[in-house]
Amino acid sequence: EPIARDTFLADVARLARTLPERCHVLN
């Protein structure tokens, strides 16, 4: 299934708000 550009940007904004206050991440 396709995922639109704006869906990606909205998911980025949503996840960014939940990330902890740290400087480095192991993804």
PDB file of all heavy atoms in Angstrom:
ATOM      1  N   GLU A   1       0.837  -1.199   0.000  1.00  0.00           N
ATOM      2  CA  GLU A   1       0.000   0.000   0.000  1.00  0.00           C
ATOM      3  C   GLU A   1       0.873   1.251   0.000  1.00  0.00           C
ATOM      4  O   GLU A   1       1.896   1.309   0.691  1.00  0.00           O
ATOM      5  CB  GLU A   1      -0.906   0.016   1.234  1.00  0.00           C
ATOM      6  CG  GLU A   1      -1.899  -1.134   1.286  1.00  0.00           C
ATOM      7  CD  GLU A   1      -2.909  -1.079   0.149  1.00  0.00           C
ATOM      8  OE1 GLU A   1      -3.232   0.053  -0.298  1.00  0.00           O
ATOM      9  OE2 GLU A   1      -3.369  -2.147  -0.292  1.00  0.00           O
ATOM     10  N   PRO A   2       0.471   2.293  -0.756  1.00  0.00           N
ATOM     11  CA  PRO A   2       1.271   3.522  -0.778  1.00  0.00           C
ATOM     12  C   PRO A   2       1.061   4.355   0.485  1.00  0.00           C
ATOM     13  O   PRO A   2      -0.022   4.357   1.076  1.00  0.00           O
ATOM     14  CB  PRO A   2       0.745   4.254  -2.014  1.00  0.00           C
ATOM     15  CG  PRO A   2      -0.675   3.776  -2.147  1.00  0.00           C
ATOM     16  CD  PRO A   2      -0.675   2.344  -1.676  1.00  0.00           C
ATOM     17  N   ILE A   3       2.092   5.058   0.893  1.00  0.00           N
ATOM     18  CA  ILE A   3       2.035   6.008   2.001  1.00  0.00           C
ATOM     19  C   ILE A   3       2.417   7.376   1.447  1.00  0.00           C
ATOM     20  O   ILE A   3       3.477   7.539   0.841  1.00  0.00           O
ATOM     21  CB  ILE A   3       2.996   5.615   3.142  1.00  0.00           C
ATOM     22  CG1 ILE A   3       2.609   4.241   3.705  1.00  0.00           C
ATOM     23  CG2 ILE A   3       2.996   6.665   4.248  1.00  0.00           C
ATOM     24  CD1 ILE A   3       3.573   3.711   4.754  1.00  0.00           C
ATOM     25  N   ALA A   4       1.547   8.345   1.636  1.00  0.00           N
ATOM     26  CA  ALA A   4       1.759   9.681   1.072  1.00  0.00           C
ATOM     27  C   ALA A   4       2.838  10.441   1.835  1.00  0.00           C
ATOM     28  O   ALA A   4       3.127  10.158   3.008  1.00  0.00           O
ATOM     29  CB  ALA A   4       0.455  10.476   1.096  1.00  0.00           C
ATOM     30  N   ARG A   5       3.393  11.440   1.159  1.00  0.00           N
ATOM     31  CA  ARG A   5       4.413  12.284   1.783  1.00  0.00           C
ATOM     32  C   ARG A   5       3.904  12.915   3.067  1.00  0.00           C
ATOM     33  O   ARG A   5       4.597  12.910   4.100  1.00  0.00           O
ATOM     34  CB  ARG A   5       4.838  13.385   0.811  1.00  0.00           C
ATOM     35  CG  ARG A   5       5.886  14.335   1.378  1.00  0.00           C
ATOM     36  CD  ARG A   5       5.910  15.644   0.618  1.00  0.00           C
ATOM     37  NE  ARG A   5       4.693  16.431   0.871  1.00  0.00           N
ATOM     38  CZ  ARG A   5       4.487  17.642   0.372  1.00  0.00           C
ATOM     39  NH1 ARG A   5       5.396  18.202  -0.416  1.00  0.00           N
ATOM     40  NH2 ARG A   5       3.371  18.291   0.642  1.00  0.00           N
ATOM     41  N   ASP A   6       2.692  13.458   3.042  1.00  0.00           N
ATOM     42  CA  ASP A   6       2.197  14.155   4.221  1.00  0.00           C
ATOM     43  C   ASP A   6       1.884  13.199   5.367  1.00  0.00           C
ATOM     44  O   ASP A   6       1.946  13.583   6.541  1.00  0.00           O
ATOM     45  CB  ASP A   6       0.962  14.989   3.864  1.00  0.00           C
ATOM     46  CG  ASP A   6       1.354  16.327   3.258  1.00  0.00           C
ATOM     47  OD1 ASP A   6       2.566  16.545   3.058  1.00  0.00           O
ATOM     48  OD2 ASP A   6       0.443  17.147   2.993  1.00  0.00           O
ATOM     49  N   THR A   7       1.553  11.964   5.066  1.00  0.00           N
ATOM     50  CA  THR A   7       1.386  10.971   6.122  1.00  0.00           C
ATOM     51  C   THR A   7       2.719  10.741   6.826  1.00  0.00           C
ATOM     52  O   THR A   7       2.784  10.650   8.060  1.00  0.00           O
ATOM     53  CB  THR A   7       0.851   9.652   5.547  1.00  0.00           C
ATOM     54  OG1 THR A   7      -0.406   9.882   4.932  1.00  0.00           O
ATOM     55  CG2 THR A   7       0.713   8.590   6.622  1.00  0.00           C
ATOM     56  N   PHE A   8       3.773  10.618   6.039  1.00  0.00           N
ATOM     57  CA  PHE A   8       5.104  10.457   6.622  1.00  0.00           C
ATOM     58  C   PHE A   8       5.454  11.642   7.516  1.00  0.00           C
ATOM     59  O   PHE A   8       5.891  11.465   8.667  1.00  0.00           O
ATOM     60  CB  PHE A   8       6.142  10.308   5.511  1.00  0.00           C
ATOM     61  CG  PHE A   8       7.573  10.402   5.983  1.00  0.00           C
ATOM     62  CD1 PHE A   8       8.146   9.378   6.720  1.00  0.00           C
ATOM     63  CD2 PHE A   8       8.339  11.531   5.692  1.00  0.00           C
ATOM     64  CE1 PHE A   8       9.472   9.464   7.158  1.00  0.00           C
ATOM     65  CE2 PHE A   8       9.653  11.630   6.128  1.00  0.00           C
ATOM     66  CZ  PHE A   8      10.216  10.594   6.857  1.00  0.00           C
ATOM     67  N   LEU A   9       5.256  12.866   7.019  1.00  0.00           N
ATOM     68  CA  LEU A   9       5.610  14.042   7.813  1.00  0.00           C
ATOM     69  C   LEU A   9       4.784  14.123   9.089  1.00  0.00           C
ATOM     70  O   LEU A   9       5.289  14.519  10.148  1.00  0.00           O
ATOM     71  CB  LEU A   9       5.423  15.306   6.967  1.00  0.00           C
ATOM     72  CG  LEU A   9       6.368  15.455   5.770  1.00  0.00           C
ATOM     73  CD1 LEU A   9       6.028  16.707   4.970  1.00  0.00           C
ATOM     74  CD2 LEU A   9       7.825  15.489   6.217  1.00  0.00           C
ATOM     75  N   ALA A  10       3.506  13.733   9.011  1.00  0.00           N
ATOM     76  CA  ALA A  10       2.676  13.730  10.211  1.00  0.00           C
ATOM     77  C   ALA A  10       3.139  12.666  11.204  1.00  0.00           C
ATOM     78  O   ALA A  10       3.163  12.895  12.423  1.00  0.00           O
ATOM     79  CB  ALA A  10       1.213  13.503   9.835  1.00  0.00           C
ATOM     80  N   ASP A  11       3.543  11.498  10.697  1.00  0.00           N
ATOM     81  CA  ASP A  11       4.068  10.453  11.574  1.00  0.00           C
ATOM     82  C   ASP A  11       5.372  10.885  12.230  1.00  0.00           C
ATOM     83  O   ASP A  11       5.630  10.577  13.399  1.00  0.00           O
ATOM     84  CB  ASP A  11       4.274   9.158  10.789  1.00  0.00           C
ATOM     85  CG  ASP A  11       2.980   8.386  10.567  1.00  0.00           C
ATOM     86  OD1 ASP A  11       1.986   8.689  11.250  1.00  0.00           O
ATOM     87  OD2 ASP A  11       2.973   7.487   9.706  1.00  0.00           O
ATOM     88  N   VAL A  12       6.198  11.608  11.472  1.00  0.00           N
ATOM     89  CA  VAL A  12       7.456  12.121  12.022  1.00  0.00           C
ATOM     90  C   VAL A  12       7.169  13.082  13.175  1.00  0.00           C
ATOM     91  O   VAL A  12       7.761  12.981  14.258  1.00  0.00           O
ATOM     92  CB  VAL A  12       8.289  12.817  10.925  1.00  0.00           C
ATOM     93  CG1 VAL A  12       9.461  13.588  11.539  1.00  0.00           C
ATOM     94  CG2 VAL A  12       8.795  11.798   9.912  1.00  0.00           C
ATOM     95  N   ALA A  13       6.246  14.030  12.938  1.00  0.00           N
ATOM     96  CA  ALA A  13       5.917  15.010  13.982  1.00  0.00           C
ATOM     97  C   ALA A  13       5.347  14.323  15.215  1.00  0.00           C
ATOM     98  O   ALA A  13       5.677  14.670  16.354  1.00  0.00           O
ATOM     99  CB  ALA A  13       4.941  16.042  13.430  1.00  0.00           C
ATOM    100  N   ARG A  14       4.493  13.327  14.978  1.00  0.00           N
ATOM    101  CA  ARG A  14       3.865  12.624  16.101  1.00  0.00           C
ATOM    102  C   ARG A  14       4.893  11.852  16.918  1.00  0.00           C
ATOM    103  O   ARG A  14       4.883  11.892  18.156  1.00  0.00           O
ATOM    104  CB  ARG A  14       2.791  11.686  15.550  1.00  0.00           C
ATOM    105  CG  ARG A  14       1.955  11.005  16.627  1.00  0.00           C
ATOM    106  CD  ARG A  14       0.939  10.104  15.976  1.00  0.00           C
ATOM    107  NE  ARG A  14       0.077   9.479  16.987  1.00  0.00           N
ATOM    108  CZ  ARG A  14      -0.536   8.337  16.815  1.00  0.00           C
ATOM    109  NH1 ARG A  14      -0.400   7.682  15.683  1.00  0.00           N
ATOM    110  NH2 ARG A  14      -1.310   7.834  17.760  1.00  0.00           N
ATOM    111  N   LEU A  15       5.793  11.109  16.241  1.00  0.00           N
ATOM    112  CA  LEU A  15       6.799  10.344  16.963  1.00  0.00           C
ATOM    113  C   LEU A  15       7.790  11.271  17.665  1.00  0.00           C
ATOM    114  O   LEU A  15       8.216  10.995  18.795  1.00  0.00           O
ATOM    115  CB  LEU A  15       7.538   9.401  16.006  1.00  0.00           C
ATOM    116  CG  LEU A  15       8.631   8.537  16.644  1.00  0.00           C
ATOM    117  CD1 LEU A  15       8.044   7.633  17.724  1.00  0.00           C
ATOM    118  CD2 LEU A  15       9.366   7.709  15.586  1.00  0.00           C
ATOM    119  N   ALA A  16       8.160  12.382  17.004  1.00  0.00           N
ATOM    120  CA  ALA A  16       9.128  13.306  17.598  1.00  0.00           C
ATOM    121  C   ALA A  16       8.659  13.796  18.962  1.00  0.00           C
ATOM    122  O   ALA A  16       9.467  13.991  19.879  1.00  0.00           O
ATOM    123  CB  ALA A  16       9.379  14.479  16.663  1.00  0.00           C
ATOM    124  N   ARG A  17       7.346  13.996  19.113  1.00  0.00           N
ATOM    125  CA  ARG A  17       6.815  14.484  20.389  1.00  0.00           C
ATOM    126  C   ARG A  17       6.943  13.456  21.506  1.00  0.00           C
ATOM    127  O   ARG A  17       6.906  13.809  22.681  1.00  0.00           O
ATOM    128  CB  ARG A  17       5.349  14.899  20.219  1.00  0.00           C
ATOM    129  CG  ARG A  17       5.155  16.131  19.357  1.00  0.00           C
ATOM    130  CD  ARG A  17       3.732  16.661  19.455  1.00  0.00           C
ATOM    131  NE  ARG A  17       2.745  15.734  18.912  1.00  0.00           N
ATOM    132  CZ  ARG A  17       2.324  15.749  17.648  1.00  0.00           C
ATOM    133  NH1 ARG A  17       2.818  16.649  16.795  1.00  0.00           N
ATOM    134  NH2 ARG A  17       1.401  14.894  17.235  1.00  0.00           N
ATOM    135  N   THR A  18       7.103  12.182  21.155  1.00  0.00           N
ATOM    136  CA  THR A  18       7.152  11.124  22.171  1.00  0.00           C
ATOM    137  C   THR A  18       8.572  10.710  22.540  1.00  0.00           C
ATOM    138  O   THR A  18       8.746   9.941  23.491  1.00  0.00           O
ATOM    139  CB  THR A  18       6.399   9.871  21.681  1.00  0.00           C
ATOM    140  OG1 THR A  18       7.167   9.203  20.669  1.00  0.00           O
ATOM    141  CG2 THR A  18       5.029  10.244  21.135  1.00  0.00           C
ATOM    142  N   LEU A  19       9.563  11.174  21.793  1.00  0.00           N
ATOM    143  CA  LEU A  19      10.938  10.731  22.051  1.00  0.00           C
ATOM    144  C   LEU A  19      11.451  11.314  23.362  1.00  0.00           C
ATOM    145  O   LEU A  19      11.134  12.447  23.723  1.00  0.00           O
ATOM    146  CB  LEU A  19      11.855  11.136  20.895  1.00  0.00           C
ATOM    147  CG  LEU A  19      11.536  10.523  19.527  1.00  0.00           C
ATOM    148  CD1 LEU A  19      12.547  10.987  18.492  1.00  0.00           C
ATOM    149  CD2 LEU A  19      11.504   8.988  19.600  1.00  0.00           C
ATOM    150  N   PRO A  20      12.287  10.565  24.072  1.00  0.00           N
ATOM    151  CA  PRO A  20      12.822  11.061  25.345  1.00  0.00           C
ATOM    152  C   PRO A  20      13.825  12.181  25.143  1.00  0.00           C
ATOM    153  O   PRO A  20      14.350  12.388  24.033  1.00  0.00           O
ATOM    154  CB  PRO A  20      13.489   9.820  25.947  1.00  0.00           C
ATOM    155  CG  PRO A  20      13.831   8.969  24.765  1.00  0.00           C
ATOM    156  CD  PRO A  20      12.735   9.194  23.764  1.00  0.00           C
ATOM    157  N   GLU A  21      14.097  12.908  26.224  1.00  0.00           N
ATOM    158  CA  GLU A  21      15.056  14.008  26.183  1.00  0.00           C
ATOM    159  C   GLU A  21      16.474  13.448  26.276  1.00  0.00           C
ATOM    160  O   GLU A  21      17.134  13.517  27.314  1.00  0.00           O
ATOM    161  CB  GLU A  21      14.781  14.989  27.331  1.00  0.00           C
ATOM    162  CG  GLU A  21      13.492  15.770  27.187  1.00  0.00           C
ATOM    163  CD  GLU A  21      13.547  16.777  26.037  1.00  0.00           C
ATOM    164  OE1 GLU A  21      14.669  17.106  25.596  1.00  0.00           O
ATOM    165  OE2 GLU A  21      12.485  17.209  25.581  1.00  0.00           O
ATOM    166  N   ARG A  22      16.934  12.886  25.202  1.00  0.00           N
ATOM    167  CA  ARG A  22      18.290  12.357  25.127  1.00  0.00           C
ATOM    168  C   ARG A  22      18.911  12.795  23.809  1.00  0.00           C
ATOM    169  O   ARG A  22      18.196  13.229  22.895  1.00  0.00           O
ATOM    170  CB  ARG A  22      18.293  10.835  25.252  1.00  0.00           C
ATOM    171  CG  ARG A  22      17.915  10.354  26.663  1.00  0.00           C
ATOM    172  CD  ARG A  22      17.838   8.852  26.759  1.00  0.00           C
ATOM    173  NE  ARG A  22      17.634   8.448  28.156  1.00  0.00           N
ATOM    174  CZ  ARG A  22      18.502   7.756  28.871  1.00  0.00           C
ATOM    175  NH1 ARG A  22      19.659   7.392  28.325  1.00  0.00           N
ATOM    176  NH2 ARG A  22      18.230   7.433  30.125  1.00  0.00           N
ATOM    177  N   CYS A  23      20.230  12.677  23.705  1.00  0.00           N
ATOM    178  CA  CYS A  23      20.935  13.199  22.528  1.00  0.00           C
ATOM    179  C   CYS A  23      21.221  12.140  21.474  1.00  0.00           C
ATOM    180  O   CYS A  23      21.464  12.478  20.319  1.00  0.00           O
ATOM    181  CB  CYS A  23      22.252  13.855  22.952  1.00  0.00           C
ATOM    182  SG  CYS A  23      22.022  15.332  23.959  1.00  0.00           S
ATOM    183  N   HIS A  24      21.240  10.860  21.870  1.00  0.00           N
ATOM    184  CA  HIS A  24      21.640   9.807  20.932  1.00  0.00           C
ATOM    185  C   HIS A  24      20.624   8.678  20.955  1.00  0.00           C
ATOM    186  O   HIS A  24      20.105   8.309  22.010  1.00  0.00           O
ATOM    187  CB  HIS A  24      23.028   9.263  21.301  1.00  0.00           C
ATOM    188  CG  HIS A  24      24.103  10.302  21.222  1.00  0.00           C
ATOM    189  ND1 HIS A  24      24.465  11.061  22.312  1.00  0.00           N
ATOM    190  CD2 HIS A  24      24.871  10.727  20.187  1.00  0.00           C
ATOM    191  CE1 HIS A  24      25.418  11.904  21.955  1.00  0.00           C
ATOM    192  NE2 HIS A  24      25.681  11.720  20.679  1.00  0.00           N
ATOM    193  N   VAL A  25      20.346   8.114  19.760  1.00  0.00           N
ATOM    194  CA  VAL A  25      19.364   7.052  19.636  1.00  0.00           C
ATOM    195  C   VAL A  25      19.942   5.916  18.801  1.00  0.00           C
ATOM    196  O   VAL A  25      20.604   6.142  17.780  1.00  0.00           O
ATOM    197  CB  VAL A  25      18.050   7.568  19.003  1.00  0.00           C
ATOM    198  CG1 VAL A  25      18.306   8.274  17.679  1.00  0.00           C
ATOM    199  CG2 VAL A  25      17.049   6.429  18.816  1.00  0.00           C
ATOM    200  N   LEU A  26      19.705   4.701  19.259  1.00  0.00           N
ATOM    201  CA  LEU A  26      20.031   3.494  18.503  1.00  0.00           C
ATOM    202  C   LEU A  26      18.727   3.009  17.879  1.00  0.00           C
ATOM    203  O   LEU A  26      17.857   2.472  18.566  1.00  0.00           O
ATOM    204  CB  LEU A  26      20.621   2.431  19.431  1.00  0.00           C
ATOM    205  CG  LEU A  26      20.920   1.067  18.784  1.00  0.00           C
ATOM    206  CD1 LEU A  26      22.063   1.191  17.787  1.00  0.00           C
ATOM    207  CD2 LEU A  26      21.244   0.028  19.858  1.00  0.00           C
ATOM    208  N   ASN A  27      18.579   3.228  16.579  1.00  0.00           N
ATOM    209  CA  ASN A  27      17.345   2.900  15.854  1.00  0.00           C
ATOM    210  C   ASN A  27      17.500   1.507  15.247  1.00  0.00           C
ATOM    211  O   ASN A  27      18.235   1.321  14.281  1.00  0.00           O
ATOM    212  CB  ASN A  27      17.109   3.950  14.760  1.00  0.00           C
ATOM    213  CG  ASN A  27      15.791   3.763  14.021  1.00  0.00           C
ATOM    214  OD1 ASN A  27      15.199   2.695  14.031  1.00  0.00           O
ATOM    215  ND2 ASN A  27      15.338   4.816  13.351  1.00  0.00           N
TER     216      ASN A  27
END
